[in-house]
N, C-alpha and C. Protein backbone atom coordinates (compact mmCIF):
# COMPACT_ATOMS: atom_id res chain seq x y z
N MET A 1 8.48 -5.16 25.23
CA MET A 1 9.68 -5.44 24.55
C MET A 1 10.06 -4.07 23.73
N ALA A 2 11.46 -3.57 24.08
CA ALA A 2 11.77 -2.56 23.35
C ALA A 2 11.85 -2.73 21.86
N LEU A 3 11.51 -1.64 21.11
CA LEU A 3 11.27 -1.67 19.71
C LEU A 3 12.65 -0.89 18.95
N ASN A 4 13.25 -1.60 18.11
CA ASN A 4 14.37 -1.01 17.47
C ASN A 4 14.00 -0.48 16.16
N ILE A 5 13.50 0.69 16.12
CA ILE A 5 12.98 1.39 14.92
C ILE A 5 14.19 1.60 13.86
N GLU A 6 15.47 1.26 14.20
CA GLU A 6 16.59 1.53 13.28
C GLU A 6 16.66 0.17 12.57
N GLU A 7 15.97 -0.93 12.83
CA GLU A 7 16.06 -2.20 12.33
C GLU A 7 15.88 -2.30 10.85
N LEU A 8 16.78 -2.78 9.97
CA LEU A 8 16.45 -2.80 8.68
C LEU A 8 15.33 -3.83 8.44
N ILE A 9 14.49 -3.46 7.61
CA ILE A 9 13.16 -4.28 7.25
C ILE A 9 13.36 -4.39 5.65
N GLY A 10 13.72 -5.71 5.39
CA GLY A 10 14.17 -5.82 3.91
C GLY A 10 15.56 -5.33 3.57
N ARG A 11 15.95 -4.92 2.36
CA ARG A 11 17.25 -4.50 2.08
C ARG A 11 17.29 -2.95 1.99
N HIS A 12 16.22 -2.26 2.02
CA HIS A 12 16.35 -0.84 1.76
C HIS A 12 15.84 0.13 2.83
N PHE A 13 14.90 -0.29 3.59
CA PHE A 13 14.18 0.61 4.46
C PHE A 13 14.24 0.18 5.92
N LYS A 14 14.25 1.03 6.82
CA LYS A 14 14.21 0.73 8.29
C LYS A 14 12.81 0.74 8.85
N LEU A 15 12.53 0.09 9.92
CA LEU A 15 11.18 0.11 10.45
C LEU A 15 10.71 1.40 10.70
N LYS A 16 11.49 2.41 10.99
CA LYS A 16 10.97 3.78 11.30
C LYS A 16 10.44 4.32 9.89
N HIS A 17 10.92 3.83 8.69
CA HIS A 17 10.23 4.51 7.53
C HIS A 17 8.97 3.73 7.23
N LEU A 18 8.77 2.61 7.80
CA LEU A 18 7.62 1.74 7.56
C LEU A 18 6.35 2.28 8.47
N ILE A 19 6.66 2.85 9.52
CA ILE A 19 5.65 3.13 10.52
C ILE A 19 5.43 4.67 10.53
N TRP A 20 6.26 5.46 10.09
CA TRP A 20 6.20 6.84 10.13
C TRP A 20 4.93 7.38 9.48
N SER A 21 4.30 8.38 10.09
CA SER A 21 3.04 8.98 9.42
C SER A 21 2.95 10.40 9.99
N ASN A 22 2.96 11.39 9.23
CA ASN A 22 2.55 12.85 9.45
C ASN A 22 1.28 13.09 10.09
N THR A 23 0.25 12.25 9.60
CA THR A 23 -0.87 12.26 10.24
C THR A 23 -0.91 11.91 11.64
N ALA A 24 -0.33 10.66 12.01
CA ALA A 24 -0.17 10.29 13.35
C ALA A 24 0.59 11.32 14.26
N LYS A 25 1.74 11.92 13.68
CA LYS A 25 2.33 12.78 14.42
C LYS A 25 1.51 14.09 14.77
N ASN A 26 0.77 14.60 13.73
CA ASN A 26 0.01 15.79 13.80
C ASN A 26 -1.21 15.55 14.61
N LYS A 27 -1.67 14.34 14.83
CA LYS A 27 -2.86 13.95 15.63
C LYS A 27 -2.40 13.42 16.87
N GLY A 28 -1.33 13.28 17.29
CA GLY A 28 -0.96 12.58 18.44
C GLY A 28 -1.30 11.19 18.68
N ILE A 29 -1.28 10.45 17.46
CA ILE A 29 -1.62 8.95 17.50
C ILE A 29 -0.38 8.21 17.67
N ASN A 30 -0.33 7.21 18.60
CA ASN A 30 0.72 6.34 18.70
C ASN A 30 0.64 5.34 17.59
N ASN A 31 1.48 5.16 16.80
CA ASN A 31 1.50 4.41 15.46
C ASN A 31 2.59 3.20 15.72
N MET A 32 2.82 2.91 16.84
CA MET A 32 3.82 1.80 17.08
C MET A 32 3.24 0.51 16.75
N PRO A 33 3.85 -0.42 16.18
CA PRO A 33 3.45 -1.81 15.90
C PRO A 33 3.07 -2.51 17.26
N GLY A 34 1.79 -3.04 17.37
CA GLY A 34 1.40 -3.75 18.41
C GLY A 34 0.53 -2.90 19.44
N VAL A 35 0.43 -1.65 19.20
CA VAL A 35 -0.25 -0.71 20.11
C VAL A 35 -1.88 -1.14 20.21
N ASP A 36 -2.24 -1.77 19.12
CA ASP A 36 -3.84 -2.20 19.21
C ASP A 36 -3.92 -3.63 19.99
N GLY A 37 -2.77 -4.22 20.30
CA GLY A 37 -2.90 -5.55 20.96
C GLY A 37 -3.02 -6.60 19.88
N SER A 38 -3.69 -6.62 18.91
CA SER A 38 -3.69 -7.65 17.93
C SER A 38 -3.79 -6.99 16.56
N PRO A 39 -2.96 -7.23 15.62
CA PRO A 39 -1.92 -8.23 15.87
C PRO A 39 -0.75 -7.68 16.64
N SER A 40 0.00 -8.73 17.22
CA SER A 40 1.04 -8.31 18.11
C SER A 40 2.21 -7.44 17.40
N GLN A 41 3.03 -6.87 18.12
CA GLN A 41 4.16 -6.21 17.61
C GLN A 41 5.06 -7.18 16.74
N ILE A 42 5.35 -8.23 17.27
CA ILE A 42 6.21 -9.28 16.47
C ILE A 42 5.59 -9.71 15.13
N LYS A 43 4.21 -9.90 15.18
CA LYS A 43 3.41 -10.28 14.10
C LYS A 43 3.48 -9.11 12.86
N VAL A 44 3.25 -7.96 13.36
CA VAL A 44 3.31 -6.78 12.55
C VAL A 44 4.67 -6.55 11.81
N ILE A 45 5.71 -6.77 12.66
CA ILE A 45 7.17 -6.80 12.09
C ILE A 45 7.43 -7.72 11.06
N GLU A 46 6.98 -9.08 11.54
CA GLU A 46 7.01 -10.28 10.54
C GLU A 46 6.39 -10.02 9.25
N ASN A 47 5.18 -9.48 9.38
CA ASN A 47 4.50 -9.09 8.00
C ASN A 47 5.14 -8.06 7.21
N LEU A 48 5.63 -7.16 7.93
CA LEU A 48 6.30 -6.05 7.14
C LEU A 48 7.65 -6.53 6.56
N ARG A 49 8.29 -7.43 7.24
CA ARG A 49 9.50 -8.06 6.57
C ARG A 49 9.13 -8.93 5.34
N GLY A 50 7.99 -9.59 5.46
CA GLY A 50 7.55 -10.56 4.44
C GLY A 50 7.19 -9.56 3.19
N LEU A 51 6.42 -8.56 3.54
CA LEU A 51 6.14 -7.70 2.35
C LEU A 51 7.40 -7.07 1.77
N MET A 52 8.24 -6.58 2.53
CA MET A 52 9.33 -5.92 1.91
C MET A 52 10.35 -7.05 1.14
N THR A 53 10.82 -8.07 1.82
CA THR A 53 11.63 -8.95 1.24
C THR A 53 11.05 -9.80 0.06
N ASN A 54 9.76 -9.91 -0.13
CA ASN A 54 9.12 -10.89 -1.14
C ASN A 54 8.66 -9.91 -2.18
N VAL A 55 8.42 -8.69 -1.94
CA VAL A 55 7.84 -7.85 -3.00
C VAL A 55 8.52 -6.56 -3.29
N VAL A 56 8.47 -5.71 -2.19
CA VAL A 56 8.83 -4.35 -2.48
C VAL A 56 10.30 -4.09 -2.56
N ASP A 57 11.40 -5.10 -2.15
CA ASP A 57 12.78 -4.91 -2.34
C ASP A 57 13.00 -4.99 -3.92
N GLU A 58 12.17 -5.82 -4.55
CA GLU A 58 12.38 -6.02 -6.04
C GLU A 58 12.07 -4.73 -6.69
N ILE A 59 11.03 -3.87 -6.19
CA ILE A 59 10.61 -2.84 -6.92
C ILE A 59 11.76 -1.62 -6.70
N ILE A 60 12.14 -1.55 -5.37
CA ILE A 60 13.09 -0.69 -5.12
C ILE A 60 14.48 -0.82 -5.80
N ASP A 61 14.79 -2.10 -6.13
CA ASP A 61 16.10 -2.28 -6.97
C ASP A 61 15.89 -1.72 -8.30
N ILE A 62 14.66 -1.51 -8.78
CA ILE A 62 14.49 -0.87 -10.15
C ILE A 62 14.43 0.62 -9.92
N TRP A 63 13.70 1.05 -8.78
CA TRP A 63 13.46 2.45 -8.62
C TRP A 63 13.99 2.85 -7.27
N PRO A 64 15.21 3.08 -7.05
CA PRO A 64 15.74 3.30 -5.65
C PRO A 64 15.09 4.68 -5.05
N ASN A 65 14.58 5.48 -5.76
CA ASN A 65 13.87 6.65 -5.24
C ASN A 65 12.59 6.62 -5.00
N LEU A 66 12.01 5.40 -4.92
CA LEU A 66 10.71 5.07 -4.61
C LEU A 66 10.24 5.53 -3.14
N SER A 67 9.11 6.13 -3.08
CA SER A 67 8.65 6.86 -1.84
C SER A 67 7.54 5.98 -1.27
N ILE A 68 7.54 5.73 -0.03
CA ILE A 68 6.46 5.00 0.69
C ILE A 68 5.40 6.11 1.22
N THR A 69 4.24 6.28 0.75
CA THR A 69 3.51 7.20 1.31
C THR A 69 2.66 6.91 2.43
N SER A 70 2.46 5.54 2.54
CA SER A 70 1.66 5.09 3.88
C SER A 70 2.12 3.66 3.92
N GLY A 71 2.60 3.24 5.23
CA GLY A 71 2.96 1.84 5.62
C GLY A 71 2.10 1.28 6.60
N TYR A 72 2.62 0.70 7.70
CA TYR A 72 1.89 0.29 8.80
C TYR A 72 1.02 1.49 9.42
N ARG A 73 -0.25 0.92 9.66
CA ARG A 73 -1.17 1.95 10.48
C ARG A 73 -1.90 1.28 11.54
N CYS A 74 -1.81 1.77 12.75
CA CYS A 74 -2.53 1.36 13.81
C CYS A 74 -4.03 1.47 13.45
N MET A 75 -4.81 1.02 14.17
CA MET A 75 -6.37 1.05 13.98
C MET A 75 -6.77 2.57 14.02
N GLY A 76 -6.24 3.31 15.15
CA GLY A 76 -6.72 4.76 15.22
C GLY A 76 -6.22 5.48 14.21
N LEU A 77 -5.06 5.38 13.64
CA LEU A 77 -4.50 6.23 12.48
C LEU A 77 -5.37 5.75 11.24
N ASN A 78 -5.62 4.46 11.07
CA ASN A 78 -6.48 4.08 9.93
C ASN A 78 -7.82 4.60 9.89
N ARG A 79 -8.46 4.60 11.08
CA ARG A 79 -9.78 5.36 11.16
C ARG A 79 -9.68 6.75 10.87
N SER A 80 -8.67 7.53 11.45
CA SER A 80 -8.43 8.85 11.20
C SER A 80 -8.44 9.31 9.82
N ILE A 81 -7.86 8.45 8.87
CA ILE A 81 -7.66 8.89 7.51
C ILE A 81 -8.80 8.29 6.67
N GLY A 82 -9.79 7.61 7.26
CA GLY A 82 -10.80 7.00 6.47
C GLY A 82 -10.57 5.73 5.92
N GLY A 83 -9.52 4.87 6.30
CA GLY A 83 -9.10 3.63 5.68
C GLY A 83 -10.21 2.57 5.95
N SER A 84 -10.14 1.52 5.18
CA SER A 84 -11.10 0.45 5.22
C SER A 84 -10.83 -0.32 6.60
N ASN A 85 -12.05 -0.78 7.21
CA ASN A 85 -11.93 -1.56 8.46
C ASN A 85 -11.14 -2.86 8.34
N THR A 86 -10.89 -3.33 7.00
CA THR A 86 -10.06 -4.51 6.86
C THR A 86 -8.82 -4.13 6.25
N SER A 87 -8.23 -3.10 6.30
CA SER A 87 -7.18 -2.66 5.76
C SER A 87 -5.93 -3.63 6.15
N GLN A 88 -5.06 -4.10 5.22
CA GLN A 88 -4.00 -4.90 5.40
C GLN A 88 -3.03 -3.93 5.99
N HIS A 89 -2.96 -2.75 5.84
CA HIS A 89 -2.02 -1.70 6.45
C HIS A 89 -1.99 -1.97 8.01
N CYS A 90 -3.07 -2.27 8.53
CA CYS A 90 -3.20 -2.48 10.05
C CYS A 90 -2.51 -3.67 10.41
N TYR A 91 -2.22 -4.59 9.55
CA TYR A 91 -1.47 -5.86 9.84
C TYR A 91 -0.07 -5.70 9.48
N GLY A 92 0.45 -4.72 8.90
CA GLY A 92 1.77 -4.57 8.28
C GLY A 92 1.90 -5.28 6.93
N GLN A 93 0.87 -5.56 6.30
CA GLN A 93 0.92 -6.36 4.99
C GLN A 93 0.68 -5.50 3.80
N ALA A 94 0.72 -4.08 4.01
CA ALA A 94 0.38 -3.26 2.75
C ALA A 94 1.31 -1.95 2.92
N ILE A 95 1.65 -1.42 1.79
CA ILE A 95 2.19 -0.11 1.63
C ILE A 95 1.60 0.56 0.51
N ASP A 96 1.68 1.84 0.47
CA ASP A 96 1.36 2.72 -0.69
C ASP A 96 2.63 3.34 -1.19
N ILE A 97 2.78 3.45 -2.43
CA ILE A 97 4.03 4.02 -2.93
C ILE A 97 3.75 4.96 -4.21
N GLN A 98 4.99 5.74 -4.27
CA GLN A 98 4.85 6.61 -5.57
C GLN A 98 6.32 6.64 -5.94
N VAL A 99 6.70 6.72 -7.26
CA VAL A 99 8.04 6.88 -7.87
C VAL A 99 8.12 8.13 -8.42
N PRO A 100 8.91 9.12 -7.82
CA PRO A 100 9.04 10.56 -8.47
C PRO A 100 9.48 10.53 -9.91
N GLY A 101 8.86 11.20 -10.84
CA GLY A 101 9.12 11.15 -12.17
C GLY A 101 8.37 10.17 -13.03
N LEU A 102 7.47 9.30 -12.33
CA LEU A 102 6.79 8.17 -13.17
C LEU A 102 5.35 8.28 -12.86
N SER A 103 4.45 8.08 -13.70
CA SER A 103 3.03 8.12 -13.37
C SER A 103 2.73 6.76 -12.67
N THR A 104 1.74 6.94 -11.66
CA THR A 104 1.31 5.61 -11.02
C THR A 104 0.83 4.64 -12.13
N ALA A 105 0.51 5.00 -13.23
CA ALA A 105 0.04 3.97 -14.21
C ALA A 105 1.33 3.20 -14.55
N GLU A 106 2.43 4.02 -14.87
CA GLU A 106 3.74 3.25 -15.11
C GLU A 106 4.24 2.33 -14.08
N VAL A 107 4.03 2.72 -12.82
CA VAL A 107 4.50 1.95 -11.70
C VAL A 107 3.58 0.55 -11.59
N TYR A 108 2.07 0.87 -11.69
CA TYR A 108 1.31 -0.21 -11.42
C TYR A 108 1.63 -1.28 -12.70
N ASN A 109 1.80 -0.68 -13.99
CA ASN A 109 1.89 -1.75 -15.05
C ASN A 109 3.26 -2.53 -14.97
N TYR A 110 4.31 -1.82 -14.42
CA TYR A 110 5.43 -2.55 -14.21
C TYR A 110 5.30 -3.64 -13.19
N ILE A 111 4.80 -3.33 -12.13
CA ILE A 111 4.59 -4.21 -11.01
C ILE A 111 3.76 -5.42 -11.46
N TYR A 112 2.71 -5.13 -12.15
CA TYR A 112 1.82 -6.25 -12.64
C TYR A 112 2.49 -7.18 -13.45
N ALA A 113 3.32 -6.64 -14.38
CA ALA A 113 4.06 -7.37 -15.49
C ALA A 113 5.20 -8.05 -14.91
N ASN A 114 5.99 -7.72 -13.99
CA ASN A 114 7.33 -7.95 -13.60
C ASN A 114 7.56 -8.49 -12.09
N VAL A 115 6.69 -8.21 -11.26
CA VAL A 115 6.97 -8.46 -9.85
C VAL A 115 5.87 -9.53 -9.38
N GLY A 116 6.60 -10.51 -8.75
CA GLY A 116 5.63 -11.60 -8.22
C GLY A 116 5.44 -11.64 -6.80
N GLY A 117 4.55 -12.29 -6.14
CA GLY A 117 4.33 -12.41 -4.77
C GLY A 117 3.29 -11.43 -4.07
N TRP A 118 2.93 -10.45 -4.93
CA TRP A 118 1.99 -9.72 -4.18
C TRP A 118 0.59 -10.26 -4.10
N ASP A 119 -0.18 -9.94 -3.29
CA ASP A 119 -1.48 -10.33 -2.86
C ASP A 119 -2.60 -9.47 -3.62
N GLN A 120 -2.46 -8.25 -3.37
CA GLN A 120 -3.32 -7.23 -3.97
C GLN A 120 -2.56 -5.93 -4.59
N LEU A 121 -2.96 -5.59 -5.71
CA LEU A 121 -2.35 -4.42 -6.29
C LEU A 121 -3.49 -3.50 -6.62
N ILE A 122 -3.38 -2.21 -6.08
CA ILE A 122 -4.51 -1.32 -6.36
C ILE A 122 -3.87 -0.04 -6.96
N TRP A 123 -4.33 0.47 -7.99
CA TRP A 123 -4.12 1.69 -8.69
C TRP A 123 -5.02 2.75 -8.11
N GLU A 124 -4.69 3.52 -7.11
CA GLU A 124 -5.47 4.54 -6.36
C GLU A 124 -5.67 5.99 -6.89
N TYR A 125 -6.74 6.29 -7.17
CA TYR A 125 -7.29 7.68 -7.63
C TYR A 125 -6.27 8.41 -8.62
N PRO A 126 -6.11 7.84 -9.79
CA PRO A 126 -5.19 8.27 -11.03
C PRO A 126 -5.67 9.60 -11.26
N GLU A 127 -6.93 9.97 -11.09
CA GLU A 127 -7.41 11.42 -11.39
C GLU A 127 -6.68 12.40 -10.63
N LYS A 128 -5.99 12.04 -9.54
CA LYS A 128 -5.22 13.02 -8.73
C LYS A 128 -3.80 13.43 -9.27
N GLY A 129 -3.51 12.65 -10.36
CA GLY A 129 -2.15 12.88 -11.10
C GLY A 129 -1.07 12.62 -10.11
N GLU A 130 -0.35 13.54 -9.89
CA GLU A 130 0.88 13.30 -9.00
C GLU A 130 0.49 12.81 -7.46
N GLY A 131 -0.86 13.14 -7.13
CA GLY A 131 -1.30 12.73 -5.90
C GLY A 131 -1.76 11.23 -5.73
N SER A 132 -1.86 10.63 -6.86
CA SER A 132 -2.19 9.17 -7.04
C SER A 132 -1.12 8.42 -6.40
N TRP A 133 -1.38 7.11 -6.15
CA TRP A 133 -0.40 6.12 -5.51
C TRP A 133 -0.74 4.80 -5.92
N VAL A 134 0.17 3.83 -5.68
CA VAL A 134 -0.02 2.39 -5.97
C VAL A 134 -0.13 1.71 -4.58
N HIS A 135 -1.08 1.07 -4.37
CA HIS A 135 -1.10 0.17 -3.06
C HIS A 135 -0.71 -1.44 -3.30
N ILE A 136 0.27 -1.77 -2.50
CA ILE A 136 0.68 -3.31 -2.84
C ILE A 136 0.59 -3.83 -1.49
N SER A 137 0.07 -5.12 -1.53
CA SER A 137 0.00 -6.02 -0.19
C SER A 137 0.62 -7.43 -0.42
N TYR A 138 1.05 -7.78 0.42
CA TYR A 138 1.67 -9.30 0.55
C TYR A 138 1.04 -9.92 1.83
N GLY A 139 0.46 -11.13 1.55
CA GLY A 139 -0.13 -11.89 2.74
C GLY A 139 -0.55 -13.26 2.33
N PRO A 140 -1.06 -14.10 3.32
CA PRO A 140 -1.15 -15.51 3.17
C PRO A 140 -2.21 -15.79 2.14
N ARG A 141 -3.12 -14.86 1.73
CA ARG A 141 -4.12 -15.07 0.79
C ARG A 141 -3.69 -15.34 -0.64
N ASN A 142 -2.61 -14.57 -0.92
CA ASN A 142 -2.06 -14.66 -2.37
C ASN A 142 -3.08 -14.46 -3.49
N ARG A 143 -3.93 -13.54 -3.37
CA ARG A 143 -5.14 -13.53 -4.46
C ARG A 143 -4.71 -13.14 -5.82
N ARG A 144 -3.60 -12.33 -5.89
CA ARG A 144 -3.23 -11.67 -7.13
C ARG A 144 -4.50 -10.81 -7.52
N LYS A 145 -5.28 -10.20 -6.74
CA LYS A 145 -6.34 -9.29 -6.94
C LYS A 145 -5.83 -7.93 -7.35
N THR A 146 -6.38 -7.58 -8.45
CA THR A 146 -6.09 -6.26 -8.95
C THR A 146 -7.29 -5.30 -9.06
N THR A 147 -7.10 -3.95 -8.60
CA THR A 147 -8.36 -3.25 -8.51
C THR A 147 -8.00 -1.80 -8.99
N LEU A 148 -8.86 -1.02 -9.64
CA LEU A 148 -8.78 0.53 -9.71
C LEU A 148 -9.71 1.10 -8.54
N ALA A 149 -9.12 2.06 -8.02
CA ALA A 149 -9.91 2.96 -7.02
C ALA A 149 -10.07 4.30 -7.64
N SER A 150 -11.24 4.88 -8.01
CA SER A 150 -11.33 6.04 -8.51
C SER A 150 -12.78 6.61 -8.35
N ARG A 151 -12.69 7.90 -8.37
CA ARG A 151 -14.05 8.61 -8.28
C ARG A 151 -14.54 8.95 -9.69
N SER A 152 -13.77 8.80 -10.64
CA SER A 152 -13.84 9.27 -11.92
C SER A 152 -14.37 8.18 -12.84
N ASP A 153 -15.60 8.64 -13.53
CA ASP A 153 -16.27 7.72 -14.53
C ASP A 153 -15.36 7.53 -15.59
N LYS A 154 -14.52 8.58 -15.93
CA LYS A 154 -13.67 8.42 -17.16
C LYS A 154 -12.75 7.26 -17.04
N PHE A 155 -12.18 7.04 -15.83
CA PHE A 155 -11.36 5.92 -15.66
C PHE A 155 -12.04 4.64 -15.57
N HIS A 156 -13.15 4.55 -14.98
CA HIS A 156 -13.99 3.24 -14.82
C HIS A 156 -14.50 2.96 -16.17
N ASN A 157 -14.90 3.86 -16.94
CA ASN A 157 -15.34 3.45 -18.42
C ASN A 157 -14.45 2.74 -19.28
N LEU A 158 -13.12 3.16 -18.97
CA LEU A 158 -12.10 2.42 -19.93
C LEU A 158 -12.22 0.83 -19.54
N TYR A 159 -12.72 0.27 -18.64
CA TYR A 159 -12.58 -1.13 -18.29
C TYR A 159 -13.96 -1.82 -18.38
N GLY A 160 -14.98 -1.15 -18.30
CA GLY A 160 -16.36 -1.65 -18.63
C GLY A 160 -16.78 -2.78 -17.68
N GLY A 161 -16.13 -2.79 -16.50
CA GLY A 161 -16.47 -3.91 -15.48
C GLY A 161 -17.48 -3.32 -14.51
N VAL A 162 -17.70 -4.14 -13.55
CA VAL A 162 -18.58 -3.78 -12.50
C VAL A 162 -18.04 -3.10 -11.34
N ARG A 163 -18.55 -1.90 -10.92
CA ARG A 163 -18.16 -1.10 -9.85
C ARG A 163 -18.75 -1.57 -8.58
N ARG A 164 -17.95 -1.51 -7.64
CA ARG A 164 -18.30 -2.01 -6.22
C ARG A 164 -18.05 -1.03 -5.08
N GLY A 165 -18.43 -1.26 -3.92
CA GLY A 165 -17.94 -0.49 -2.69
C GLY A 165 -19.16 0.51 -2.57
N SER A 166 -19.16 1.09 -1.23
CA SER A 166 -20.43 1.81 -0.91
C SER A 166 -20.57 3.12 -1.77
N SER A 167 -19.37 3.59 -2.39
CA SER A 167 -19.57 4.71 -3.29
C SER A 167 -19.12 4.44 -4.82
N ASN A 168 -19.17 3.22 -5.00
CA ASN A 168 -18.96 2.71 -6.41
C ASN A 168 -17.40 3.13 -6.80
N ASN A 169 -16.51 3.27 -5.98
CA ASN A 169 -15.11 3.73 -6.27
C ASN A 169 -14.37 2.65 -6.85
N TYR A 170 -14.65 1.25 -6.51
CA TYR A 170 -13.67 0.19 -6.85
C TYR A 170 -14.22 -0.59 -8.07
N GLN A 171 -13.17 -1.10 -8.88
CA GLN A 171 -13.40 -2.04 -10.01
C GLN A 171 -12.20 -2.95 -10.06
N ASP A 172 -12.61 -4.22 -10.02
CA ASP A 172 -11.54 -5.33 -9.95
C ASP A 172 -11.23 -5.74 -11.44
N GLY A 173 -10.22 -6.51 -11.35
CA GLY A 173 -9.64 -7.12 -12.75
C GLY A 173 -8.89 -6.28 -13.55
N ILE A 174 -8.23 -5.27 -13.01
CA ILE A 174 -7.48 -4.33 -13.85
C ILE A 174 -6.17 -4.74 -14.20
N SER A 175 -5.79 -5.21 -15.39
CA SER A 175 -4.42 -5.71 -15.75
C SER A 175 -3.55 -4.85 -16.41
N GLN A 176 -4.19 -3.79 -16.87
CA GLN A 176 -3.40 -2.66 -17.41
C GLN A 176 -3.92 -1.31 -16.98
N ALA A 177 -3.25 -0.46 -16.29
CA ALA A 177 -3.54 0.87 -15.93
C ALA A 177 -3.53 1.59 -17.29
N GLN A 178 -4.57 2.45 -17.60
CA GLN A 178 -4.62 3.11 -18.82
C GLN A 178 -4.87 4.66 -18.35
N ILE A 179 -4.21 5.59 -19.05
CA ILE A 179 -4.39 7.00 -18.92
C ILE A 179 -5.56 7.33 -19.68
N VAL A 180 -6.48 8.39 -19.20
CA VAL A 180 -7.42 8.91 -19.89
C VAL A 180 -6.96 10.11 -20.65
């Protein structure tokens, strides 16, 4: 099936914006939906459409200059960047975003308080400052799971919760992103 990368997915972005990756380009990785065989190309695009129309379009309506730093990732691309083996990016169910001129804490807090429909919201590596991002997923589980991903004890200590993951970088139940 020929893929129309100019197809509008949601109100604001085309498919080409959701599958583009500098890393894939530089490493010669084919990041086209369906390249892995499962999920199928149709399913990945259906998932991306659900993510955009049910969650992300609402955010872009507030911040039209929103930047997608990572969208769909085939398994090869996901492995090459060290992504989780269970990443929702590989199913077209997740994107990572930044909004120029705003801290990721502001973006995270706005989404948490004002946007419905997301499955998972992760404040990723705030210690990186402008290199930080917010991960948003949309999928059938609808967990409303919130997480901090950070290597910094200063950020984790703000919440006092239990850290998890092989390198203890994750902490769940984050309802308010706080700046150290």
